[in-house]
Amino acid sequence: MADSVHSDQQNPVTKRGGGDPASRGRTTIADGVVEKIAGLAARDVVGVHAMGSGLSRTLGAVRDRVPGGGSAKSGATRGVKAEVGEVQTALDLEIVVDYGVSIADVAGSVRENVIAAVERMTGLEVVEVNIAVSDVKLPEEEEEEPESRLQ
């Protein structure tokens, strides 16, 4: 009898609501969040020169120079499209690689880096990462910076 009284005194707190607090409620992650994480992770890979097509990069550079011209596709998400479900995500990336690198190796490294970063930060399962290589940056090519017509 004394043992049961003693054990009651050790655990006087009653649980309310039941279950683990982490399971009470829902967390949603926007497509743009996953796109940003994936874009930054892809840029970290050696051999990736840029993200997105030449046209999207040129338009983005023009928008960045216009006051208040920020776009929904910021530099961090350019070249990345994510579809996010409740527990899974799929990604499409468009990259420009440096001349001389193995495209297969760069694509594999991008896939590994993107999957690791997205799964670690969001807890979502990455079911696929599709990579489209839209261009190769040659050493003698100048950067595609449009002339600013604004003064």
Protein backbone atom coordinates (compact mmCIF):
# COMPACT_ATOMS: atom_id res chain seq x y z
CA MET A 1 0.00 0.00 0.00
CA ALA A 2 2.78 2.42 0.86
CA ASP A 3 4.37 1.81 -2.55
CA SER A 4 1.25 2.88 -4.46
CA VAL A 5 0.96 6.11 -2.46
CA HIS A 6 4.63 6.79 -3.04
CA SER A 7 4.35 6.25 -6.81
CA ASP A 8 1.32 8.61 -6.97
CA GLN A 9 3.37 11.34 -5.32
CA GLN A 10 6.14 10.99 -7.95
CA ASN A 11 3.75 11.55 -10.85
CA PRO A 12 1.18 14.11 -9.69
CA VAL A 13 0.87 15.73 -13.18
CA THR A 14 -2.08 14.55 -15.27
CA LYS A 15 -1.79 14.56 -19.03
CA ARG A 16 -4.36 16.52 -20.97
CA GLY A 17 -5.30 16.16 -24.59
CA GLY A 18 -3.49 12.85 -24.93
CA GLY A 19 -0.67 12.06 -27.28
CA ASP A 20 2.64 13.60 -28.06
CA PRO A 21 2.51 17.42 -28.34
CA ALA A 22 4.34 17.20 -31.69
CA SER A 23 1.37 15.30 -33.15
CA ARG A 24 -1.21 17.92 -32.14
CA GLY A 25 -1.77 19.98 -35.23
CA ARG A 26 -0.57 20.10 -38.80
CA THR A 27 2.50 21.60 -40.43
CA THR A 28 2.31 22.67 -44.05
CA ILE A 29 5.30 23.66 -46.15
CA ALA A 30 4.85 25.97 -49.14
CA ASP A 31 6.20 25.03 -52.55
CA GLY A 32 8.41 28.14 -52.46
CA VAL A 33 10.14 26.98 -49.28
CA VAL A 34 11.11 23.67 -50.86
CA GLU A 35 12.14 25.48 -54.05
CA LYS A 36 14.46 27.80 -52.11
CA ILE A 37 16.09 24.95 -50.20
CA ALA A 38 16.56 22.94 -53.41
CA GLY A 39 17.91 25.92 -55.36
CA LEU A 40 20.50 26.76 -52.74
CA ALA A 41 21.53 23.11 -52.38
CA ALA A 42 21.93 22.76 -56.16
CA ARG A 43 24.06 25.91 -56.41
CA ASP A 44 26.47 24.46 -53.83
CA VAL A 45 27.50 21.69 -56.24
CA VAL A 46 30.79 22.21 -58.08
CA GLY A 47 30.12 22.36 -61.82
CA VAL A 48 26.75 24.10 -61.55
CA HIS A 49 27.27 27.50 -63.15
CA ALA A 50 23.70 28.81 -62.83
CA MET A 51 20.08 27.83 -62.41
CA GLY A 52 17.35 28.34 -64.99
CA SER A 53 17.43 29.02 -68.71
CA GLY A 54 19.32 31.94 -70.19
CA LEU A 55 16.04 33.76 -70.79
CA SER A 56 14.80 33.33 -67.20
CA ARG A 57 18.16 34.53 -65.85
CA THR A 58 18.13 37.57 -68.15
CA LEU A 59 14.57 38.49 -67.21
CA GLY A 60 15.37 37.96 -63.53
CA ALA A 61 18.39 40.27 -63.77
CA VAL A 62 16.25 42.98 -65.39
CA ARG A 63 13.55 42.60 -62.71
CA ASP A 64 16.16 42.79 -59.95
CA ARG A 65 17.34 46.18 -61.26
CA VAL A 66 13.87 47.74 -61.41
CA PRO A 67 12.80 49.27 -58.08
CA GLY A 68 9.88 47.24 -56.76
CA GLY A 69 10.27 44.82 -59.63
CA GLY A 70 10.89 41.78 -57.49
CA SER A 71 9.28 38.70 -58.90
CA ALA A 72 7.64 35.67 -57.39
CA LYS A 73 10.64 33.71 -58.70
CA SER A 74 13.55 35.17 -56.77
CA GLY A 75 17.14 34.29 -57.61
CA ALA A 76 17.14 31.51 -55.02
CA THR A 77 14.22 29.70 -56.65
CA ARG A 78 15.04 30.41 -60.31
CA GLY A 79 15.22 27.16 -62.26
CA VAL A 80 13.39 25.15 -59.58
CA LYS A 81 9.80 23.90 -59.54
CA ALA A 82 8.45 21.89 -56.61
CA GLU A 83 5.22 20.02 -56.10
CA VAL A 84 4.65 19.54 -52.38
CA GLY A 85 2.16 17.11 -50.88
CA GLU A 86 1.49 16.29 -47.24
CA VAL A 87 4.46 13.94 -46.84
CA GLN A 88 6.23 13.90 -50.22
CA THR A 89 7.68 16.31 -52.75
CA ALA A 90 8.90 16.12 -56.35
CA LEU A 91 11.29 18.60 -57.91
CA ASP A 92 12.22 19.77 -61.40
CA LEU A 93 15.51 21.66 -61.76
CA GLU A 94 16.98 23.46 -64.75
CA ILE A 95 20.73 23.98 -64.55
CA VAL A 96 23.62 25.39 -66.56
CA VAL A 97 26.87 23.48 -66.12
CA ASP A 98 30.48 24.60 -66.53
CA TYR A 99 32.26 23.37 -69.63
CA GLY A 100 34.47 20.34 -69.04
CA VAL A 101 32.58 18.77 -66.14
CA SER A 102 30.88 15.39 -66.34
CA ILE A 103 27.21 16.25 -66.70
CA ALA A 104 26.20 12.85 -65.29
CA ASP A 105 28.39 13.37 -62.21
CA VAL A 106 27.14 16.93 -61.65
CA ALA A 107 23.51 15.82 -62.03
CA GLY A 108 24.09 12.97 -59.56
CA SER A 109 25.71 15.32 -57.05
CA VAL A 110 22.90 17.86 -57.46
CA ARG A 111 20.33 15.10 -56.84
CA GLU A 112 22.14 13.89 -53.71
CA ASN A 113 22.62 17.40 -52.30
CA VAL A 114 19.04 18.50 -53.00
CA ILE A 115 17.49 15.33 -51.56
CA ALA A 116 19.64 15.52 -48.41
CA ALA A 117 18.89 19.21 -47.80
CA VAL A 118 15.14 19.05 -48.50
CA GLU A 119 14.56 15.88 -46.47
CA ARG A 120 16.66 17.13 -43.53
CA MET A 121 15.06 20.56 -43.37
CA THR A 122 11.44 19.70 -44.17
CA GLY A 123 10.97 16.06 -43.19
CA LEU A 124 9.29 15.49 -46.56
CA GLU A 125 10.24 12.45 -48.64
CA VAL A 126 11.74 13.51 -51.98
CA VAL A 127 10.29 11.06 -54.49
CA GLU A 128 12.08 12.44 -57.56
CA VAL A 129 14.47 15.14 -58.70
CA ASN A 130 14.34 15.70 -62.46
CA ILE A 131 17.24 17.70 -63.87
CA ALA A 132 17.28 19.45 -67.23
CA VAL A 133 20.65 20.78 -68.39
CA SER A 134 19.75 23.81 -70.52
CA ASP A 135 23.23 25.13 -71.32
CA VAL A 136 26.99 24.76 -70.92
CA LYS A 137 29.00 27.78 -69.78
CA LEU A 138 32.09 28.08 -71.95
CA PRO A 139 35.18 29.69 -70.40
CA GLU A 140 35.34 32.47 -73.01
CA GLU A 141 31.65 33.40 -72.76
CA GLU A 142 30.84 36.63 -71.00
CA GLU A 143 28.14 36.70 -68.35
CA GLU A 144 24.67 37.40 -69.66
CA GLU A 145 24.13 40.70 -67.93
CA PRO A 146 21.67 42.85 -69.83
CA GLU A 147 22.53 46.48 -70.33
CA SER A 148 20.58 48.62 -67.91
CA ARG A 149 18.50 51.26 -69.63
CA LEU A 150 17.63 52.88 -66.30
CA GLN A 151 19.55 55.83 -64.97
